[in-house]
Every structure is written in structure tokens, then in C-alpha cells.
């Protein structure tokens, strides 16, 4: 009965899988149905179905219902952390030399292979048309060690005085492929280790039906359904609601026409070294909000300049720059990092991309921070940038699975950017988009602003010192 419900049989037994999975969400199967199977009749003929139920009570893999009338797996197929069936082909062996079929042969074979260790299934091989026994079997052992020990036996095992021909199932399939001249590179259905098993006609019935495919389809459908049931998430950027996709990204159409035009300047010629102070210090009196977007290697950098509103307001509204202000910027910031730069208004396409990048950056930040958090364990408070868990002390650690999870329900979320005077990390990975706020440079920042030529010196000195030694 454990074999009937095993991973080696249940997913490929159309009748039993349909009965226990497709027609019964709790996967119960009547013990009476199991007792009616051909191989169970010898056990039930004299003692009845109750005998089978009693025999199943000590099972470590099956469980009975409270009334003892039904049976199922203790761990459902869809709840398995690891499918042992994934390496079943590698754990299987081929053995030949069992002669002609006799009554009770299956039981004799199973008893015979029990002496070599635990096995999952012993399958007799038969002719495709006549179903006549071929005198050989495939045996799937419970683990690789047992399978290897069987194949290494010397002398070979004997069946009623006849020494068996044994080899791994893979070796057998490879042999048949060579004999029949099959080119697996031209037949994708037969390529690969497990794919070679389609050469065996007696196993074809197991490839015709697969419960694993049904379980996989159900999982995908459930995932799609759960995603569809989750509420929409929005962020607030410059007073506009931006809708996020299910994975926390922003559709470009969500940004179109929602952000102020004319508030972004583009600069060229800075090269790889861009000290933010070269831009912010000369302009901060005229523009309360200054955000620089630039990555080392970029040919063009962008600066968002915010103005207007009441003096001292935390987030003054954005207004389009006048020609006079553009000339003022060009006059006050002629060089960045010691290199002469040229200024111009950002094009419509550049502005659109800037706002999309900024929206995605804010969205991912909010998306991560809105997930489930662990209880506070005494972190050191607010760190750089005015956000928690970013100072020197790492604070409470959140598992990756939780950090990546999507919040159950989040209405419109006010962006945390921009923030009051903060200390941003202006050295970001090349793939990230930096959105900086006005703040004095940190020690780490100053090191980065020294430029790419400053870093190799210590390494060079060490090399010369080592060469001298």
C-alpha cells in the first residue's frame, strides 16, 4: 500500500491519482478501494478490509482517517520539499536472467531484491504488443548508495542458479541507443538522462500520464489567482499617484504627463568624477531641492532643481526653470570635478526617463520597506539619509523571503523622498540609480570623490615592495 502512494507510483497511476487528488482535495482514498486491487486480494480474502486498515496503522508514510475507513499520504505530493523522483532514473538498475514468468513471480522478485536493501519499485519488463515477460526488470532503489552497492556485487547475484546480468538503467539505455543508432541530438524528446528511458516500451505508460504536471499546473493557477486578488499599490511622487505592478515596478505609461516639465538640467563633460558639492553648494540658495543623477561612466548627468512654495518648506513644489535661471546655473557651475562642463535643458525623452527611473527607485524602496518586519531588537535608530536600519548598527535583520514579499494591502503610500537634510550614500553600485539630497559629504564620499586615479597607488606600492623583497 505504501508503494501505491509512493512518489514512484502515485503520480503515474492515473486511476489512483485522479481518485485521491483531482476528485478529493483532502486526498483521502477508501481503504476498501485499495483492498480491492488484484495484489491485495490474497490479504483480504480471509481477513477482510479491516485487516488492511489495521496493518497500515504503524506506517510512517501513510495515515488513516479517524474512522479507519480511508487512507492518504502523511505528506501530500504538492507539499514535498524535495521530489525523490527527480533522481529516480539514477537510482534505478537493470537486471536480466529471471527466465519465464510463473504465478507469483512479482512477489518472488520483490522478496529477492529486499535482501539487497530498500527499494521503491520492482517493474517487470514486458513486450509491447503481447505483454509477455522479457525475463528482465528495472528496480528503483531508495537511495544511490544502495543502488551502487548492488551494482558492485562480486560475484553477481544469482536467480535460481543463474547469474544475473546487471547494470545501471542509464548504462542499459545508452547501450540500446548505440545498438539502434539513435541520434539523441536530433531528437529532443529522447535527449538527456531521464529522456533515454522512453526507449523502454514497458515504461511508456508512465510517461503518458503525469500527476506532477497536474500539480505544477495547479500551483501556477493558484499563484496567478493570488496575485490577481492582491490590492493595487500606489506611491505618491510630486503629488501624483503612481500605480505599481505586482512586482513593485512602474509602467512607463503611469508616469507620462504626471510630472512637472522643465525642472531638469543636463550636464556633459564631467567624466567619471562628480563631487556633488560642486553642483549643490553654488546653487543651494536659489534652489531648495537639488537631486543629482549620475553614474560613473555616464556621458550625461541630470540635476532636478526644485523651487517655489513658502520659504523653508520641506517639499516645495517644482516649477519650470526660466531662461534666466538656466543662465544662472551655467554661470555658477562651470566646472565639476575640475573639468569644464556644458549645461542644457533636458529633452522630453530624457525627462520622461528620469521620472521613470526615479519612480522605480522610490517604488522599490517603498515596496521593500512595506513588507513584514521583525520586531525591533534595539537598533541604533535613524542612520544616514534619515531612514531606519541604515546607520552603523544593522538593526533587526529581516529574512530575504520577507524582504521580498509583497504587502497584503497598502493604499497610497507617501514617498519618503525627498527628506530633510540627510547624509546619502553617494557611492552606489553601477546598476543603481542615485537620487541624492543636499547634505555634507561623508568620509566615504570624500574618498570616492578623489577620483579613480587615487586608488591604485597603495596597490602599486605593495607590488613594488614585494618585487624588491
Protein backbone atom coordinates (compact mmCIF):
# COMPACT_ATOMS: atom_id res chain seq x y z
CA UNK A 1 0.00 0.00 0.00
CA UNK A 2 2.92 2.35 0.71
CA UNK A 3 4.13 1.65 -2.82
CA UNK A 4 0.73 2.57 -4.26
CA UNK A 5 1.05 6.01 -2.59
CA UNK A 6 4.79 6.46 -3.23
CA UNK A 7 6.35 9.09 -5.48
CA UNK A 8 7.41 6.25 -7.76
CA UNK A 9 3.82 5.19 -8.43
CA UNK A 10 1.12 7.65 -7.35
CA UNK A 11 1.97 10.50 -9.80
CA UNK A 12 1.92 8.00 -12.69
CA UNK A 13 -1.10 5.92 -11.64
CA UNK A 14 -3.93 7.68 -13.44
CA UNK A 15 -6.72 5.90 -11.57
CA UNK A 16 -5.31 6.37 -8.07
CA UNK A 17 -4.07 9.92 -8.65
CA UNK A 18 -7.41 11.01 -10.09
CA UNK A 19 -9.23 9.41 -7.17
CA UNK A 20 -7.02 10.94 -4.49
CA UNK A 21 -6.13 14.35 -5.96
CA UNK A 22 -8.49 15.53 -8.68
CA UNK A 23 -11.67 14.28 -7.02
CA UNK A 24 -10.70 14.77 -3.38
CA UNK A 25 -8.92 17.93 -2.16
CA UNK A 26 -8.02 16.21 1.11
CA UNK A 27 -6.58 13.24 -0.82
CA UNK A 28 -8.38 10.51 1.12
CA UNK A 29 -8.84 7.12 -0.59
CA UNK A 30 -11.21 4.44 0.75
CA UNK A 31 -9.32 1.51 2.25
CA UNK A 32 -11.91 -0.70 0.58
CA UNK A 33 -10.79 0.55 -2.83
CA UNK A 34 -7.17 -0.28 -2.05
CA UNK A 35 -8.18 -3.68 -0.70
CA UNK A 36 -9.92 -4.48 -3.99
CA UNK A 37 -6.71 -4.23 -6.01
CA UNK A 38 -5.55 -7.51 -7.53
CA UNK A 39 -2.40 -7.80 -5.44
CA UNK A 40 -4.34 -7.14 -2.24
CA UNK A 41 -6.90 -9.91 -2.69
CA UNK A 42 -4.76 -12.58 -1.04
CA UNK A 43 -4.63 -10.43 2.11
CA UNK A 44 -8.32 -9.53 2.18
CA UNK A 45 -9.89 -12.80 1.04
CA UNK A 46 -9.74 -14.36 4.50
CA UNK A 47 -9.47 -11.39 6.89
CA UNK A 48 -11.35 -8.60 5.11
CA UNK A 49 -10.75 -4.88 4.69
CA UNK A 50 -10.35 -4.26 8.42
CA UNK A 51 -7.16 -6.32 8.34
CA UNK A 52 -5.64 -3.94 5.77
CA UNK A 53 -6.58 -0.89 7.84
CA UNK A 54 -5.04 -2.42 10.96
CA UNK A 55 -1.83 -3.23 9.07
CA UNK A 56 -1.50 0.42 7.98
CA UNK A 57 -1.55 1.92 11.48
CA UNK A 58 2.24 1.61 12.11
CA UNK A 59 3.08 3.17 8.71
CA UNK A 60 5.42 6.16 8.84
CA UNK A 61 4.34 7.50 5.44
CA UNK A 62 0.59 6.86 5.46
CA UNK A 63 -2.21 7.85 7.83
CA UNK A 64 -5.72 6.55 8.44
CA UNK A 65 -8.83 8.63 8.97
CA UNK A 66 -10.35 8.62 12.46
CA UNK A 67 -12.93 6.02 11.46
CA UNK A 68 -10.26 3.83 9.84
CA UNK A 69 -12.15 3.83 6.54
CA UNK A 70 -9.78 6.00 4.47
CA UNK A 71 -6.03 6.34 3.90
CA UNK A 72 -3.73 9.02 2.45
CA UNK A 73 -0.09 10.16 2.43
CA UNK A 74 1.11 11.98 5.55
CA UNK A 75 2.95 14.45 3.33
CA UNK A 76 0.99 15.36 0.21
CA UNK A 77 2.85 15.36 -3.09
CA UNK A 78 2.39 19.11 -3.52
CA UNK A 79 3.89 19.75 -0.06
CA UNK A 80 7.15 17.89 -0.67
CA UNK A 81 10.29 20.00 -0.19
CA UNK A 82 12.20 17.64 -2.46
CA UNK A 83 10.97 15.25 -5.10
CA UNK A 84 12.88 11.99 -4.81
CA UNK A 85 11.54 11.19 -8.26
CA UNK A 86 13.95 13.76 -9.71
CA UNK A 87 16.84 11.29 -9.38
CA UNK A 88 14.84 8.07 -9.70
CA UNK A 89 16.49 7.33 -13.05
CA UNK A 90 19.96 7.49 -11.48
CA UNK A 91 18.86 5.18 -8.63
CA UNK A 92 17.45 2.56 -10.98
CA UNK A 93 19.19 -0.63 -12.17
CA UNK A 94 18.61 -3.17 -14.92
CA UNK A 95 18.78 -6.90 -14.19
CA UNK A 96 18.26 -9.81 -16.60
CA UNK A 97 18.14 -13.59 -16.14
CA UNK A 98 14.81 -14.32 -14.48
CA UNK A 99 13.57 -16.83 -17.06
CA UNK A 100 9.92 -17.24 -17.95
CA UNK A 101 7.03 -15.85 -15.97
CA UNK A 102 5.43 -18.04 -13.34
CA UNK A 103 2.48 -17.44 -10.99
CA UNK A 104 3.52 -15.24 -8.09
CA UNK A 105 6.65 -14.01 -9.89
CA UNK A 106 6.17 -10.38 -8.89
CA UNK A 107 6.08 -11.29 -5.20
CA UNK A 108 9.15 -13.53 -5.60
CA UNK A 109 11.08 -10.74 -7.31
CA UNK A 110 10.24 -8.23 -4.59
CA UNK A 111 11.30 -10.68 -1.89
CA UNK A 112 14.53 -11.38 -3.80
CA UNK A 113 15.56 -7.73 -4.08
CA UNK A 114 14.72 -6.99 -0.44
CA UNK A 115 17.97 -8.73 0.59
CA UNK A 116 19.99 -6.01 -1.18
CA UNK A 117 18.37 -3.05 0.56
CA UNK A 118 15.32 -0.85 0.47
CA UNK A 119 13.70 -0.39 -2.92
CA UNK A 120 10.78 1.70 -4.15
CA UNK A 121 9.54 -0.37 -7.07
CA UNK A 122 10.38 -3.55 -8.99
CA UNK A 123 9.00 -3.31 -12.52
CA UNK A 124 8.87 -6.36 -14.75
CA UNK A 125 9.68 -5.59 -18.37
CA UNK A 126 7.24 -6.81 -21.00
CA UNK A 127 6.85 -6.94 -24.76
CA UNK A 128 4.90 -4.00 -26.10
CA UNK A 129 2.35 -5.99 -28.10
CA UNK A 130 1.99 -9.35 -26.34
CA UNK A 131 2.83 -8.18 -22.80
CA UNK A 132 5.00 -11.28 -22.46
CA UNK A 133 7.64 -11.13 -19.71
CA UNK A 134 11.12 -10.35 -21.10
CA UNK A 135 12.99 -12.02 -18.25
CA UNK A 136 14.36 -8.69 -17.03
CA UNK A 137 13.39 -5.96 -14.57
CA UNK A 138 14.04 -2.35 -13.66
CA UNK A 139 14.48 -1.78 -9.93
CA UNK A 140 14.37 1.68 -8.37
CA UNK A 141 16.29 1.62 -5.10
CA UNK A 142 15.53 4.07 -2.30
CA UNK A 143 18.95 5.75 -2.46
CA UNK A 144 22.07 5.93 -4.60
CA UNK A 145 24.25 4.09 -2.10
CA UNK A 146 22.03 1.00 -2.17
CA UNK A 147 21.90 1.04 -5.97
CA UNK A 148 25.69 1.34 -6.25
CA UNK A 149 26.27 -1.44 -3.71
CA UNK A 150 24.05 -3.75 -5.74
CA UNK A 151 25.89 -2.98 -8.98
CA UNK A 152 29.28 -3.57 -7.31
CA UNK A 153 28.42 -7.05 -6.02
CA UNK A 154 31.08 -9.61 -6.95
CA UNK A 155 30.14 -12.25 -7.84
CA UNK A 156 26.90 -11.14 -9.45
CA UNK A 157 23.63 -12.10 -7.74
CA UNK A 158 22.02 -15.35 -8.87
CA UNK A 159 18.39 -16.19 -9.53
CA UNK A 160 17.64 -19.87 -9.08
CA UNK A 161 21.21 -20.79 -10.02
CA UNK A 162 21.51 -18.35 -12.93
CA UNK A 163 23.91 -15.42 -12.62
CA UNK A 164 22.17 -12.15 -13.42
CA UNK A 165 23.29 -9.57 -15.93
CA UNK A 166 23.22 -6.23 -14.08
CA UNK A 167 23.97 -2.63 -14.96
CA UNK A 168 22.63 0.83 -14.20
CA UNK A 169 19.49 1.84 -16.02
CA UNK A 170 21.41 4.65 -17.69
CA UNK A 171 24.04 2.22 -18.95
CA UNK A 172 21.31 -0.02 -20.34
CA UNK A 173 19.59 2.89 -22.13
CA UNK A 174 22.92 4.11 -23.53
CA UNK A 175 23.60 0.60 -24.83
CA UNK A 176 20.22 0.45 -26.57
CA UNK A 177 20.71 3.91 -28.06
CA UNK A 178 24.01 2.75 -29.58
CA UNK A 179 22.51 -0.53 -30.83
CA UNK A 180 19.61 1.21 -32.57
CA UNK A 181 21.73 4.05 -33.92
CA UNK A 182 19.56 6.73 -32.37
CA UNK A 183 20.97 10.27 -32.55
CA UNK A 184 19.74 11.94 -29.38
CA UNK A 185 20.98 15.35 -30.53
CA UNK A 186 18.32 15.28 -33.27
CA UNK A 187 15.55 14.00 -31.01
CA UNK A 188 14.86 16.46 -28.17
CA UNK A 189 12.30 14.08 -26.64
CA UNK A 190 15.00 11.48 -26.01
CA UNK A 191 17.87 13.77 -25.10
CA UNK A 192 19.27 13.64 -21.58
CA UNK A 193 19.46 11.07 -18.81
CA UNK A 194 15.81 10.58 -17.99
CA UNK A 195 14.74 11.15 -21.54
CA UNK A 196 16.54 7.99 -22.62
CA UNK A 197 14.02 5.93 -20.69
CA UNK A 198 11.46 6.47 -23.43
CA UNK A 199 13.30 3.71 -25.29
CA UNK A 200 11.69 1.26 -22.92
CA UNK A 201 8.24 0.36 -24.19
CA UNK A 202 7.13 -1.02 -20.86
CA UNK A 203 7.65 2.37 -19.25
CA UNK A 204 5.79 4.34 -21.88
CA UNK A 205 2.56 4.05 -19.92
CA UNK A 206 4.18 6.06 -17.14
CA UNK A 207 5.06 8.94 -19.47
CA UNK A 208 1.51 9.09 -20.87
CA UNK A 209 0.18 10.43 -17.57
CA UNK A 210 1.98 12.59 -15.02
CA UNK A 211 0.46 13.82 -11.79
CA UNK A 212 3.46 16.14 -11.39
CA UNK A 213 2.32 18.10 -14.44
CA UNK A 214 -1.16 18.45 -12.96
CA UNK A 215 0.26 19.60 -9.61
CA UNK A 216 2.52 22.10 -11.38
CA UNK A 217 -0.40 23.49 -13.35
CA UNK A 218 -2.48 23.84 -10.18
CA UNK A 219 0.35 25.71 -8.46
CA UNK A 220 0.67 28.14 -11.35
CA UNK A 221 -3.07 28.75 -11.41
CA UNK A 222 -3.15 29.33 -7.65
CA UNK A 223 -0.26 31.78 -7.90
CA UNK A 224 -1.98 33.74 -10.66
CA UNK A 225 -5.21 33.78 -8.66
CA UNK A 226 -3.47 35.05 -5.51
CA UNK A 227 -1.69 37.77 -7.47
CA UNK A 228 -4.98 38.86 -9.01
CA UNK A 229 -6.62 39.08 -5.59
CA UNK A 230 -3.95 41.35 -4.12
CA UNK A 231 -4.86 45.05 -3.95
CA UNK A 232 -3.19 47.63 -6.15
CA UNK A 233 -0.31 49.59 -4.65
CA UNK A 234 0.39 53.26 -5.34
CA UNK A 235 3.18 55.65 -4.48
CA UNK A 236 2.87 59.41 -4.29
CA UNK A 237 5.51 61.25 -6.33
CA UNK A 238 5.34 65.00 -6.54
CA UNK A 239 1.64 64.91 -5.65
CA UNK A 240 0.78 62.37 -8.35
CA UNK A 241 -0.42 58.82 -7.70
CA UNK A 242 1.74 56.25 -9.48
CA UNK A 243 0.40 52.70 -9.68
CA UNK A 244 2.86 49.84 -9.19
CA UNK A 245 2.81 46.49 -10.91
CA UNK A 246 2.54 43.28 -8.88
CA UNK A 247 6.33 43.02 -8.63
CA UNK A 248 6.76 46.62 -7.48
CA UNK A 249 7.75 48.18 -10.80
CA UNK A 250 6.33 51.19 -12.61
CA UNK A 251 4.78 51.06 -16.05
CA UNK A 252 6.14 53.94 -18.20
CA UNK A 253 2.55 54.89 -19.08
CA UNK A 254 1.89 55.61 -15.40
CA UNK A 255 4.47 58.41 -15.45
CA UNK A 256 3.53 60.05 -18.74
CA UNK A 257 2.09 63.52 -18.26
CA UNK A 258 2.14 63.33 -14.46
CA UNK A 259 5.41 65.11 -13.68
CA UNK A 260 6.45 68.72 -14.00
CA UNK A 261 8.36 69.55 -17.18
CA UNK A 262 11.25 71.95 -17.42
CA UNK A 263 12.73 71.42 -13.94
CA UNK A 264 15.63 69.19 -15.02
CA UNK A 265 19.00 70.30 -16.36
CA UNK A 266 21.50 68.06 -18.16
CA UNK A 267 25.29 68.42 -17.97
CA UNK A 268 28.05 66.84 -20.06
CA UNK A 269 31.83 66.64 -19.79
CA UNK A 270 32.21 65.70 -16.13
CA UNK A 271 33.81 62.34 -16.82
CA UNK A 272 33.95 59.81 -14.02
CA UNK A 273 34.44 62.10 -11.01
CA UNK A 274 31.39 64.12 -9.93
CA UNK A 275 31.63 65.73 -6.47
CA UNK A 276 28.05 66.65 -5.59
CA UNK A 277 29.23 69.69 -3.66
CA UNK A 278 30.49 71.25 -6.91
CA UNK A 279 26.87 71.37 -8.04
CA UNK A 280 24.94 71.85 -4.84
CA UNK A 281 26.98 74.45 -2.98
CA UNK A 282 26.75 77.19 -5.63
CA UNK A 283 23.02 76.58 -6.26
CA UNK A 284 21.51 75.67 -2.90
CA UNK A 285 20.49 79.23 -2.01
CA UNK A 286 18.46 79.61 -5.20
CA UNK A 287 17.11 76.06 -5.29
CA UNK A 288 15.96 74.42 -2.02
CA UNK A 289 15.78 70.99 -3.66
CA UNK A 290 18.68 69.61 -5.66
CA UNK A 291 18.93 65.98 -6.77
CA UNK A 292 21.80 64.69 -8.87
CA UNK A 293 21.52 61.59 -11.03
CA UNK A 294 24.83 60.39 -12.40
CA UNK A 295 26.69 57.10 -12.59
CA UNK A 296 30.37 56.75 -13.25
CA UNK A 297 30.76 56.17 -16.96
CA UNK A 298 27.68 58.16 -17.97
CA UNK A 299 28.17 60.78 -20.65
CA UNK A 300 25.26 62.86 -19.41
CA UNK A 301 24.19 63.67 -15.85
CA UNK A 302 20.92 65.18 -14.68
CA UNK A 303 20.03 67.63 -11.94
CA UNK A 304 16.49 68.16 -10.67
CA UNK A 305 16.10 71.67 -9.29
CA UNK A 306 13.16 72.38 -7.02
CA UNK A 307 11.92 75.86 -6.15
CA UNK A 308 8.80 77.77 -5.28
CA UNK A 309 6.45 77.44 -2.33
CA UNK A 310 6.93 79.00 1.07
CA UNK A 311 10.47 79.58 2.23
CA UNK A 312 11.71 76.71 4.36
CA UNK A 313 9.02 74.30 3.15
CA UNK A 314 10.12 70.67 3.33
CA UNK A 315 8.98 69.77 -0.19
CA UNK A 316 8.37 72.93 -2.21
CA UNK A 317 6.55 72.32 -5.50
CA UNK A 318 8.51 72.04 -8.71
CA UNK A 319 8.35 74.80 -11.26
CA UNK A 320 9.76 75.02 -14.77
CA UNK A 321 13.10 76.81 -14.93
CA UNK A 322 13.16 80.20 -16.59
CA UNK A 323 15.77 81.15 -19.18
CA UNK A 324 17.28 83.48 -16.59
CA UNK A 325 17.66 80.62 -14.13
CA UNK A 326 19.25 78.42 -16.78
CA UNK A 327 21.83 81.15 -17.48
CA UNK A 328 22.41 81.46 -13.73
CA UNK A 329 23.16 77.72 -13.46
CA UNK A 330 25.57 77.86 -16.38
CA UNK A 331 27.36 80.82 -14.81
CA UNK A 332 27.65 79.41 -11.27
CA UNK A 333 28.65 75.84 -12.17
CA UNK A 334 31.19 75.94 -14.97
CA UNK A 335 33.31 73.04 -13.77
CA UNK A 336 32.60 69.76 -11.99
CA UNK A 337 35.45 67.74 -10.58
CA UNK A 338 37.94 70.09 -12.19
CA UNK A 339 36.52 69.57 -15.67
CA UNK A 340 34.63 72.11 -17.73
CA UNK A 341 31.04 71.09 -18.33
CA UNK A 342 28.27 72.24 -20.63
CA UNK A 343 24.66 72.70 -19.50
CA UNK A 344 21.36 72.41 -21.37
CA UNK A 345 17.73 71.73 -20.66
CA UNK A 346 16.87 68.02 -20.57
CA UNK A 347 14.93 66.82 -23.61
CA UNK A 348 11.40 65.47 -23.30
CA UNK A 349 12.67 61.89 -23.66
CA UNK A 350 15.37 62.46 -21.03
CA UNK A 351 12.86 63.95 -18.62
CA UNK A 352 10.50 61.02 -19.15
CA UNK A 353 13.29 58.53 -18.45
CA UNK A 354 14.45 60.49 -15.41
CA UNK A 355 11.00 60.46 -13.83
CA UNK A 356 10.53 56.77 -14.66
CA UNK A 357 13.90 55.91 -13.08
CA UNK A 358 13.05 57.99 -10.05
CA UNK A 359 9.60 56.43 -9.71
CA UNK A 360 11.06 52.92 -9.93
CA UNK A 361 13.72 53.78 -7.36
CA UNK A 362 11.14 55.11 -4.91
CA UNK A 363 8.78 52.22 -5.68
CA UNK A 364 11.36 49.54 -4.93
CA UNK A 365 12.37 51.30 -1.73
CA UNK A 366 8.77 51.59 -0.54
CA UNK A 367 7.96 48.08 -1.76
CA UNK A 368 10.76 46.57 0.34
CA UNK A 369 10.08 48.66 3.43
CA UNK A 370 6.34 47.94 3.33
CA UNK A 371 6.82 44.18 3.71
CA UNK A 372 6.51 42.29 7.02
CA UNK A 373 9.16 43.29 9.54
CA UNK A 374 10.60 41.54 12.53
CA UNK A 375 10.18 43.10 15.99
CA UNK A 376 12.63 45.85 16.90
CA UNK A 377 15.65 44.41 18.70
CA UNK A 378 17.26 47.65 19.75
CA UNK A 379 18.82 49.02 16.58
CA UNK A 380 20.68 52.28 16.80
CA UNK A 381 17.94 54.50 15.47
CA UNK A 382 18.00 56.67 12.42
CA UNK A 383 21.07 56.40 10.27
CA UNK A 384 22.24 58.03 7.08
CA UNK A 385 19.57 59.50 4.89
CA UNK A 386 17.14 59.77 7.78
CA UNK A 387 15.91 56.18 7.38
CA UNK A 388 15.94 53.47 9.97
CA UNK A 389 18.19 50.41 9.78
CA UNK A 390 20.78 52.28 7.73
CA UNK A 391 23.18 53.53 10.35
CA UNK A 392 26.27 51.75 11.59
CA UNK A 393 24.25 49.28 13.58
CA UNK A 394 22.42 46.99 11.19
CA UNK A 395 19.42 46.75 13.46
CA UNK A 396 16.87 43.98 13.17
CA UNK A 397 17.53 41.55 10.37
CA UNK A 398 14.66 40.66 8.09
CA UNK A 399 14.72 37.32 6.24
CA UNK A 400 15.09 37.58 2.47
CA UNK A 401 11.79 35.81 1.98
CA UNK A 402 10.09 38.55 3.99
CA UNK A 403 12.00 41.44 2.48
CA UNK A 404 10.94 40.35 -0.98
CA UNK A 405 7.36 39.60 -0.09
CA UNK A 406 4.58 41.85 -1.26
CA UNK A 407 2.47 43.65 1.34
CA UNK A 408 -1.03 42.27 1.79
CA UNK A 409 -2.72 45.63 1.42
CA UNK A 410 -1.11 49.01 1.01
CA UNK A 411 -3.13 52.06 -0.03
CA UNK A 412 -1.48 55.16 -1.39
CA UNK A 413 1.98 55.41 0.15
CA UNK A 414 3.61 58.78 0.53
CA UNK A 415 7.13 58.74 -0.81
CA UNK A 416 9.82 59.16 1.80
CA UNK A 417 11.83 61.20 -0.69
CA UNK A 418 12.90 63.90 -0.55
CA UNK A 419 13.72 64.07 3.13
CA UNK A 420 15.06 66.80 5.41
CA UNK A 421 18.85 67.30 5.43
CA UNK A 422 20.35 63.84 5.36
CA UNK A 423 23.56 62.02 4.63
CA UNK A 424 23.11 59.95 1.48
CA UNK A 425 25.49 57.28 0.31
CA UNK A 426 26.67 58.78 -2.94
CA UNK A 427 28.80 55.80 -3.95
CA UNK A 428 26.27 53.34 -5.35
CA UNK A 429 26.68 50.22 -7.50
CA UNK A 430 26.86 50.91 -11.20
CA UNK A 431 23.46 49.40 -11.86
CA UNK A 432 21.61 51.53 -9.30
CA UNK A 433 20.07 54.94 -9.83
CA UNK A 434 21.24 57.54 -7.34
CA UNK A 435 18.79 60.16 -6.08
CA UNK A 436 20.76 62.48 -3.82
CA UNK A 437 19.59 65.09 -1.32
CA UNK A 438 21.51 68.10 -0.18
CA UNK A 439 23.91 67.06 2.58
CA UNK A 440 27.54 67.47 3.64
CA UNK A 441 29.92 64.87 2.28
CA UNK A 442 30.85 61.91 4.48
CA UNK A 443 34.30 60.44 4.81
CA UNK A 444 33.33 57.63 2.46
CA UNK A 445 32.15 60.18 -0.06
CA UNK A 446 35.37 62.16 0.03
CA UNK A 447 37.35 59.04 -0.73
CA UNK A 448 35.21 58.35 -3.77
CA UNK A 449 35.49 61.93 -4.97
CA UNK A 450 39.26 61.72 -5.08
CA UNK A 451 38.82 60.08 -8.44
CA UNK A 452 39.77 56.76 -9.99
CA UNK A 453 43.46 57.70 -10.24
CA UNK A 454 43.95 57.85 -6.49
CA UNK A 455 43.01 54.27 -5.62
CA UNK A 456 45.74 52.23 -7.39
CA UNK A 457 48.67 53.88 -5.54
CA UNK A 458 48.66 51.65 -2.40
CA UNK A 459 48.41 48.53 -4.54
CA UNK A 460 51.29 49.72 -6.72
CA UNK A 461 53.44 50.35 -3.66
CA UNK A 462 52.74 46.87 -2.33
CA UNK A 463 53.68 45.30 -5.66
CA UNK A 464 56.96 47.23 -5.81
CA UNK A 465 57.75 46.33 -2.21
CA UNK A 466 57.06 42.65 -2.90
CA UNK A 467 59.23 42.73 -6.02
CA UNK A 468 62.08 44.25 -4.06
CA UNK A 469 61.82 41.57 -1.40
